[in-house]
Amino acid sequence: MPAIEVGRICVKTAGREAGEKCVIVEIIDDKFVEVIGTSVKNRKCNIKHLEPLEQAIEIKSEDPEAIKKDLEKAIA
């Protein structure tokens, strides 16, 4: 299983955004990370509700729109 790390692309497995792809932008603690995606709001998410993919992107800035564009390019 790929590591939980900043820049790792994941699929949400629970909640109303289940099935949507997102990227980890910050590791909060051993149970929670902050994620953002094209159709996933920037929010705290339980690691148990994420399925990490092999893909990862480099987080170059704090700008949510720039992160979303990089994510779209990576999953296109």
PDB file of N, CA and C in Angstrom:
ATOM      1  N   MET A   1       0.849  -1.197   0.000  1.00  0.00           N
ATOM      2  CA  MET A   1       0.000   0.000   0.000  1.00  0.00           C
ATOM      3  C   MET A   1       0.886   1.249   0.000  1.00  0.00           C
ATOM      4  N   PRO A   2       0.606   2.207  -0.877  1.00  0.00           N
ATOM      5  CA  PRO A   2       1.413   3.434  -0.906  1.00  0.00           C
ATOM      6  C   PRO A   2       1.320   4.204   0.406  1.00  0.00           C
ATOM      7  N   ALA A   3       2.347   4.952   0.690  1.00  0.00           N
ATOM      8  CA  ALA A   3       2.430   5.688   1.951  1.00  0.00           C
ATOM      9  C   ALA A   3       1.468   6.875   1.975  1.00  0.00           C
ATOM     10  N   ILE A   4       1.053   7.219   3.190  1.00  0.00           N
ATOM     11  CA  ILE A   4       0.287   8.450   3.392  1.00  0.00           C
ATOM     12  C   ILE A   4       1.329   9.555   3.531  1.00  0.00           C
ATOM     13  N   GLU A   5       1.375  10.459   2.537  1.00  0.00           N
ATOM     14  CA  GLU A   5       2.373  11.530   2.543  1.00  0.00           C
ATOM     15  C   GLU A   5       1.816  12.730   1.801  1.00  0.00           C
ATOM     16  N   VAL A   6       2.403  13.885   2.034  1.00  0.00           N
ATOM     17  CA  VAL A   6       1.976  15.097   1.345  1.00  0.00           C
ATOM     18  C   VAL A   6       2.215  14.909  -0.153  1.00  0.00           C
ATOM     19  N   GLY A   7       1.191  15.207  -0.956  1.00  0.00           N
ATOM     20  CA  GLY A   7       1.288  15.060  -2.399  1.00  0.00           C
ATOM     21  C   GLY A   7       0.725  13.748  -2.922  1.00  0.00           C
ATOM     22  N   ARG A   8       0.418  12.812  -2.030  1.00  0.00           N
ATOM     23  CA  ARG A   8      -0.133  11.505  -2.446  1.00  0.00           C
ATOM     24  C   ARG A   8      -1.569  11.692  -2.928  1.00  0.00           C
ATOM     25  N   ILE A   9      -1.884  11.150  -4.084  1.00  0.00           N
ATOM     26  CA  ILE A   9      -3.247  11.195  -4.612  1.00  0.00           C
ATOM     27  C   ILE A   9      -4.018  10.012  -4.018  1.00  0.00           C
ATOM     28  N   CYS A  10      -5.227  10.291  -3.534  1.00  0.00           N
ATOM     29  CA  CYS A  10      -6.053   9.275  -2.874  1.00  0.00           C
ATOM     30  C   CYS A  10      -7.468   9.307  -3.440  1.00  0.00           C
ATOM     31  N   VAL A  11      -8.202   8.237  -3.159  1.00  0.00           N
ATOM     32  CA  VAL A  11      -9.633   8.190  -3.457  1.00  0.00           C
ATOM     33  C   VAL A  11     -10.354   8.143  -2.119  1.00  0.00           C
ATOM     34  N   LYS A  12     -11.340   9.019  -1.942  1.00  0.00           N
ATOM     35  CA  LYS A  12     -12.123   8.995  -0.706  1.00  0.00           C
ATOM     36  C   LYS A  12     -13.037   7.768  -0.730  1.00  0.00           C
ATOM     37  N   THR A  13     -13.115   7.057   0.389  1.00  0.00           N
ATOM     38  CA  THR A  13     -13.911   5.829   0.444  1.00  0.00           C
ATOM     39  C   THR A  13     -15.162   5.975   1.306  1.00  0.00           C
ATOM     40  N   ALA A  14     -15.332   7.125   1.938  1.00  0.00           N
ATOM     41  CA  ALA A  14     -16.494   7.312   2.811  1.00  0.00           C
ATOM     42  C   ALA A  14     -17.001   8.743   2.696  1.00  0.00           C
ATOM     43  N   GLY A  15     -18.244   8.927   3.128  1.00  0.00           N
ATOM     44  CA  GLY A  15     -18.827  10.267   3.138  1.00  0.00           C
ATOM     45  C   GLY A  15     -19.449  10.622   1.802  1.00  0.00           C
ATOM     46  N   ARG A  16     -19.943  11.850   1.708  1.00  0.00           N
ATOM     47  CA  ARG A  16     -20.648  12.257   0.496  1.00  0.00           C
ATOM     48  C   ARG A  16     -19.709  12.447  -0.690  1.00  0.00           C
ATOM     49  N   GLU A  17     -18.394  12.519  -0.423  1.00  0.00           N
ATOM     50  CA  GLU A  17     -17.427  12.660  -1.522  1.00  0.00           C
ATOM     51  C   GLU A  17     -16.760  11.323  -1.872  1.00  0.00           C
ATOM     52  N   ALA A  18     -17.332  10.222  -1.414  1.00  0.00           N
ATOM     53  CA  ALA A  18     -16.776   8.887  -1.681  1.00  0.00           C
ATOM     54  C   ALA A  18     -16.623   8.668  -3.183  1.00  0.00           C
ATOM     55  N   GLY A  19     -15.484   8.105  -3.569  1.00  0.00           N
ATOM     56  CA  GLY A  19     -15.213   7.841  -4.973  1.00  0.00           C
ATOM     57  C   GLY A  19     -14.482   8.977  -5.668  1.00  0.00           C
ATOM     58  N   GLU A  20     -14.386  10.127  -5.014  1.00  0.00           N
ATOM     59  CA  GLU A  20     -13.716  11.286  -5.615  1.00  0.00           C
ATOM     60  C   GLU A  20     -12.219  11.248  -5.316  1.00  0.00           C
ATOM     61  N   LYS A  21     -11.422  11.736  -6.274  1.00  0.00           N
ATOM     62  CA  LYS A  21      -9.976  11.791  -6.076  1.00  0.00           C
ATOM     63  C   LYS A  21      -9.593  13.099  -5.395  1.00  0.00           C
ATOM     64  N   CYS A  22      -8.588  12.994  -4.536  1.00  0.00           N
ATOM     65  CA  CYS A  22      -8.103  14.168  -3.823  1.00  0.00           C
ATOM     66  C   CYS A  22      -6.603  13.991  -3.594  1.00  0.00           C
ATOM     67  N   VAL A  23      -5.968  15.022  -3.077  1.00  0.00           N
ATOM     68  CA  VAL A  23      -4.535  14.960  -2.796  1.00  0.00           C
ATOM     69  C   VAL A  23      -4.305  15.437  -1.362  1.00  0.00           C
ATOM     70  N   ILE A  24      -3.370  14.803  -0.680  1.00  0.00           N
ATOM     71  CA  ILE A  24      -3.033  15.182   0.695  1.00  0.00           C
ATOM     72  C   ILE A  24      -2.166  16.435   0.655  1.00  0.00           C
ATOM     73  N   VAL A  25      -2.599  17.486   1.357  1.00  0.00           N
ATOM     74  CA  VAL A  25      -1.811  18.720   1.399  1.00  0.00           C
ATOM     75  C   VAL A  25      -1.122  18.928   2.742  1.00  0.00           C
ATOM     76  N   GLU A  26      -1.603  18.239   3.787  1.00  0.00           N
ATOM     77  CA  GLU A  26      -0.965  18.376   5.103  1.00  0.00           C
ATOM     78  C   GLU A  26      -1.295  17.154   5.947  1.00  0.00           C
ATOM     79  N   ILE A  27      -0.304  16.701   6.716  1.00  0.00           N
ATOM     80  CA  ILE A  27      -0.544  15.623   7.675  1.00  0.00           C
ATOM     81  C   ILE A  27      -0.756  16.280   9.026  1.00  0.00           C
ATOM     82  N   ILE A  28      -1.940  16.075   9.600  1.00  0.00           N
ATOM     83  CA  ILE A  28      -2.299  16.724  10.865  1.00  0.00           C
ATOM     84  C   ILE A  28      -1.776  15.909  12.044  1.00  0.00           C
ATOM     85  N   ASP A  29      -2.102  14.607  12.076  1.00  0.00           N
ATOM     86  CA  ASP A  29      -1.562  13.708  13.104  1.00  0.00           C
ATOM     87  C   ASP A  29      -1.621  12.287  12.552  1.00  0.00           C
ATOM     88  N   ASP A  30      -1.529  11.281  13.427  1.00  0.00           N
ATOM     89  CA  ASP A  30      -1.483   9.898  12.934  1.00  0.00           C
ATOM     90  C   ASP A  30      -2.835   9.381  12.449  1.00  0.00           C
ATOM     91  N   LYS A  31      -3.911  10.149  12.636  1.00  0.00           N
ATOM     92  CA  LYS A  31      -5.232   9.708  12.193  1.00  0.00           C
ATOM     93  C   LYS A  31      -5.848  10.611  11.124  1.00  0.00           C
ATOM     94  N   PHE A  32      -5.416  11.870  11.062  1.00  0.00           N
ATOM     95  CA  PHE A  32      -6.053  12.833  10.164  1.00  0.00           C
ATOM     96  C   PHE A  32      -5.067  13.529   9.240  1.00  0.00           C
ATOM     97  N   VAL A  33      -5.555  13.824   8.016  1.00  0.00           N
ATOM     98  CA  VAL A  33      -4.799  14.608   7.048  1.00  0.00           C
ATOM     99  C   VAL A  33      -5.732  15.669   6.474  1.00  0.00           C
ATOM    100  N   GLU A  34      -5.147  16.691   5.850  1.00  0.00           N
ATOM    101  CA  GLU A  34      -5.950  17.693   5.150  1.00  0.00           C
ATOM    102  C   GLU A  34      -5.874  17.366   3.673  1.00  0.00           C
ATOM    103  N   VAL A  35      -7.044  17.308   3.022  1.00  0.00           N
ATOM    104  CA  VAL A  35      -7.099  16.964   1.601  1.00  0.00           C
ATOM    105  C   VAL A  35      -7.807  18.052   0.812  1.00  0.00           C
ATOM    106  N   ILE A  36      -7.548  18.058  -0.491  1.00  0.00           N
ATOM    107  CA  ILE A  36      -8.252  18.954  -1.409  1.00  0.00           C
ATOM    108  C   ILE A  36      -8.351  18.231  -2.748  1.00  0.00           C
ATOM    109  N   GLY A  37      -9.404  18.507  -3.489  1.00  0.00           N
ATOM    110  CA  GLY A  37      -9.563  17.889  -4.803  1.00  0.00           C
ATOM    111  C   GLY A  37     -10.438  18.751  -5.687  1.00  0.00           C
ATOM    112  N   THR A  38     -10.558  18.356  -6.941  1.00  0.00           N
ATOM    113  CA  THR A  38     -11.356  19.147  -7.869  1.00  0.00           C
ATOM    114  C   THR A  38     -12.822  19.185  -7.426  1.00  0.00           C
ATOM    115  N   SER A  39     -13.330  18.076  -6.879  1.00  0.00           N
ATOM    116  CA  SER A  39     -14.705  18.076  -6.369  1.00  0.00           C
ATOM    117  C   SER A  39     -14.743  17.695  -4.891  1.00  0.00           C
ATOM    118  N   VAL A  40     -13.589  17.831  -4.210  1.00  0.00           N
ATOM    119  CA  VAL A  40     -13.500  17.575  -2.771  1.00  0.00           C
ATOM    120  C   VAL A  40     -13.094  18.890  -2.109  1.00  0.00           C
ATOM    121  N   LYS A  41     -13.898  19.335  -1.146  1.00  0.00           N
ATOM    122  CA  LYS A  41     -13.576  20.574  -0.442  1.00  0.00           C
ATOM    123  C   LYS A  41     -12.297  20.396   0.368  1.00  0.00           C
ATOM    124  N   ASN A  42     -11.609  21.511   0.582  1.00  0.00           N
ATOM    125  CA  ASN A  42     -10.400  21.498   1.400  1.00  0.00           C
ATOM    126  C   ASN A  42     -10.828  21.226   2.838  1.00  0.00           C
ATOM    127  N   ARG A  43     -10.513  20.011   3.330  1.00  0.00           N
ATOM    128  CA  ARG A  43     -11.004  19.644   4.659  1.00  0.00           C
ATOM    129  C   ARG A  43     -10.128  18.596   5.309  1.00  0.00           C
ATOM    130  N   LYS A  44     -10.345  18.446   6.617  1.00  0.00           N
ATOM    131  CA  LYS A  44      -9.685  17.395   7.393  1.00  0.00           C
ATOM    132  C   LYS A  44     -10.367  16.071   7.072  1.00  0.00           C
ATOM    133  N   CYS A  45      -9.581  15.010   6.952  1.00  0.00           N
ATOM    134  CA  CYS A  45     -10.143  13.713   6.579  1.00  0.00           C
ATOM    135  C   CYS A  45      -9.445  12.609   7.369  1.00  0.00           C
ATOM    136  N   ASN A  46     -10.216  11.642   7.840  1.00  0.00           N
ATOM    137  CA  ASN A  46      -9.654  10.490   8.538  1.00  0.00           C
ATOM    138  C   ASN A  46      -8.893   9.633   7.532  1.00  0.00           C
ATOM    139  N   ILE A  47      -7.687   9.219   7.891  1.00  0.00           N
ATOM    140  CA  ILE A  47      -6.864   8.389   7.007  1.00  0.00           C
ATOM    141  C   ILE A  47      -7.589   7.094   6.641  1.00  0.00           C
ATOM    142  N   LYS A  48      -8.422   6.574   7.552  1.00  0.00           N
ATOM    143  CA  LYS A  48      -9.166   5.336   7.285  1.00  0.00           C
ATOM    144  C   LYS A  48     -10.164   5.503   6.142  1.00  0.00           C
ATOM    145  N   HIS A  49     -10.516   6.754   5.815  1.00  0.00           N
ATOM    146  CA  HIS A  49     -11.482   7.030   4.762  1.00  0.00           C
ATOM    147  C   HIS A  49     -10.809   7.358   3.432  1.00  0.00           C
ATOM    148  N   LEU A  50      -9.499   7.084   3.332  1.00  0.00           N
ATOM    149  CA  LEU A  50      -8.752   7.348   2.105  1.00  0.00           C
ATOM    150  C   LEU A  50      -8.103   6.074   1.594  1.00  0.00           C
ATOM    151  N   GLU A  51      -8.079   5.930   0.289  1.00  0.00           N
ATOM    152  CA  GLU A  51      -7.358   4.829  -0.337  1.00  0.00           C
ATOM    153  C   GLU A  51      -6.249   5.451  -1.182  1.00  0.00           C
ATOM    154  N   PRO A  52      -4.994   5.398  -0.704  1.00  0.00           N
ATOM    155  CA  PRO A  52      -3.903   6.030  -1.459  1.00  0.00           C
ATOM    156  C   PRO A  52      -3.630   5.314  -2.773  1.00  0.00           C
ATOM    157  N   LEU A  53      -3.348   6.080  -3.814  1.00  0.00           N
ATOM    158  CA  LEU A  53      -3.015   5.535  -5.129  1.00  0.00           C
ATOM    159  C   LEU A  53      -1.492   5.573  -5.305  1.00  0.00           C
ATOM    160  N   GLU A  54      -1.014   4.946  -6.376  1.00  0.00           N
ATOM    161  CA  GLU A  54       0.429   4.947  -6.656  1.00  0.00           C
ATOM    162  C   GLU A  54       0.920   6.350  -7.008  1.00  0.00           C
ATOM    163  N   GLN A  55       0.027   7.161  -7.588  1.00  0.00           N
ATOM    164  CA  GLN A  55       0.414   8.491  -8.058  1.00  0.00           C
ATOM    165  C   GLN A  55       0.613   9.467  -6.917  1.00  0.00           C
ATOM    166  N   ALA A  56       1.555  10.405  -7.135  1.00  0.00           N
ATOM    167  CA  ALA A  56       1.752  11.512  -6.204  1.00  0.00           C
ATOM    168  C   ALA A  56       2.132  12.733  -7.035  1.00  0.00           C
ATOM    169  N   ILE A  57       1.809  13.917  -6.514  1.00  0.00           N
ATOM    170  CA  ILE A  57       2.207  15.152  -7.187  1.00  0.00           C
ATOM    171  C   ILE A  57       3.031  15.979  -6.210  1.00  0.00           C
ATOM    172  N   GLU A  58       3.774  16.920  -6.755  1.00  0.00           N
ATOM    173  CA  GLU A  58       4.559  17.805  -5.909  1.00  0.00           C
ATOM    174  C   GLU A  58       3.700  19.013  -5.565  1.00  0.00           C
ATOM    175  N   ILE A  59       3.563  19.288  -4.276  1.00  0.00           N
ATOM    176  CA  ILE A  59       2.794  20.458  -3.833  1.00  0.00           C
ATOM    177  C   ILE A  59       3.752  21.646  -3.865  1.00  0.00           C
ATOM    178  N   LYS A  60       3.556  22.540  -4.867  1.00  0.00           N
ATOM    179  CA  LYS A  60       4.503  23.642  -5.067  1.00  0.00           C
ATOM    180  C   LYS A  60       4.095  24.914  -4.326  1.00  0.00           C
ATOM    181  N   SER A  61       2.805  25.061  -4.030  1.00  0.00           N
ATOM    182  CA  SER A  61       2.356  26.303  -3.392  1.00  0.00           C
ATOM    183  C   SER A  61       1.210  26.014  -2.437  1.00  0.00           C
ATOM    184  N   GLU A  62       0.844  27.023  -1.679  1.00  0.00           N
ATOM    185  CA  GLU A  62      -0.285  26.915  -0.746  1.00  0.00           C
ATOM    186  C   GLU A  62      -1.615  27.200  -1.452  1.00  0.00           C
ATOM    187  N   ASP A  63      -1.550  27.680  -2.693  1.00  0.00           N
ATOM    188  CA  ASP A  63      -2.742  28.101  -3.420  1.00  0.00           C
ATOM    189  C   ASP A  63      -3.621  26.908  -3.793  1.00  0.00           C
ATOM    190  N   PRO A  64      -4.838  26.835  -3.242  1.00  0.00           N
ATOM    191  CA  PRO A  64      -5.719  25.688  -3.528  1.00  0.00           C
ATOM    192  C   PRO A  64      -6.003  25.511  -5.018  1.00  0.00           C
ATOM    193  N   GLU A  65      -6.167  26.599  -5.763  1.00  0.00           N
ATOM    194  CA  GLU A  65      -6.470  26.490  -7.195  1.00  0.00           C
ATOM    195  C   GLU A  65      -5.293  25.886  -7.957  1.00  0.00           C
ATOM    196  N   ALA A  66      -4.074  26.249  -7.593  1.00  0.00           N
ATOM    197  CA  ALA A  66      -2.884  25.689  -8.246  1.00  0.00           C
ATOM    198  C   ALA A  66      -2.777  24.199  -7.948  1.00  0.00           C
ATOM    199  N   ILE A  67      -3.081  23.812  -6.712  1.00  0.00           N
ATOM    200  CA  ILE A  67      -3.036  22.392  -6.327  1.00  0.00           C
ATOM    201  C   ILE A  67      -4.079  21.609  -7.125  1.00  0.00           C
ATOM    202  N   LYS A  68      -5.278  22.168  -7.265  1.00  0.00           N
ATOM    203  CA  LYS A  68      -6.347  21.503  -8.028  1.00  0.00           C
ATOM    204  C   LYS A  68      -5.929  21.312  -9.487  1.00  0.00           C
ATOM    205  N   LYS A  69      -5.272  22.338 -10.083  1.00  0.00           N
ATOM    206  CA  LYS A  69      -4.831  22.226 -11.481  1.00  0.00           C
ATOM    207  C   LYS A  69      -3.792  21.121 -11.624  1.00  0.00           C
ATOM    208  N   ASP A  70      -2.825  21.061 -10.694  1.00  0.00           N
ATOM    209  CA  ASP A  70      -1.799  20.006 -10.735  1.00  0.00           C
ATOM    210  C   ASP A  70      -2.447  18.629 -10.602  1.00  0.00           C
ATOM    211  N   LEU A  71      -3.449  18.517  -9.729  1.00  0.00           N
ATOM    212  CA  LEU A  71      -4.155  17.250  -9.532  1.00  0.00           C
ATOM    213  C   LEU A  71      -4.886  16.834 -10.810  1.00  0.00           C
ATOM    214  N   GLU A  72      -5.561  17.793 -11.448  1.00  0.00           N
ATOM    215  CA  GLU A  72      -6.281  17.499 -12.690  1.00  0.00           C
ATOM    216  C   GLU A  72      -5.337  16.981 -13.770  1.00  0.00           C
ATOM    217  N   LYS A  73      -4.151  17.591 -13.888  1.00  0.00           N
ATOM    218  CA  LYS A  73      -3.166  17.150 -14.884  1.00  0.00           C
ATOM    219  C   LYS A  73      -2.712  15.725 -14.574  1.00  0.00           C
ATOM    220  N   ALA A  74      -2.512  15.418 -13.292  1.00  0.00           N
ATOM    221  CA  ALA A  74      -1.991  14.107 -12.892  1.00  0.00           C
ATOM    222  C   ALA A  74      -3.009  12.986 -13.120  1.00  0.00           C
ATOM    223  N   ILE A  75      -4.298  13.286 -12.951  1.00  0.00           N
ATOM    224  CA  ILE A  75      -5.304  12.222 -13.064  1.00  0.00           C
ATOM    225  C   ILE A  75      -5.980  12.191 -14.434  1.00  0.00           C
ATOM    226  N   ALA A  76      -5.618  13.131 -15.297  1.00  0.00           N
ATOM    227  CA  ALA A  76      -6.254  13.197 -16.639  1.00  0.00           C
ATOM    228  C   ALA A  76      -5.790  12.054 -17.524  1.00  0.00           C
TER     229      ALA A  76
END
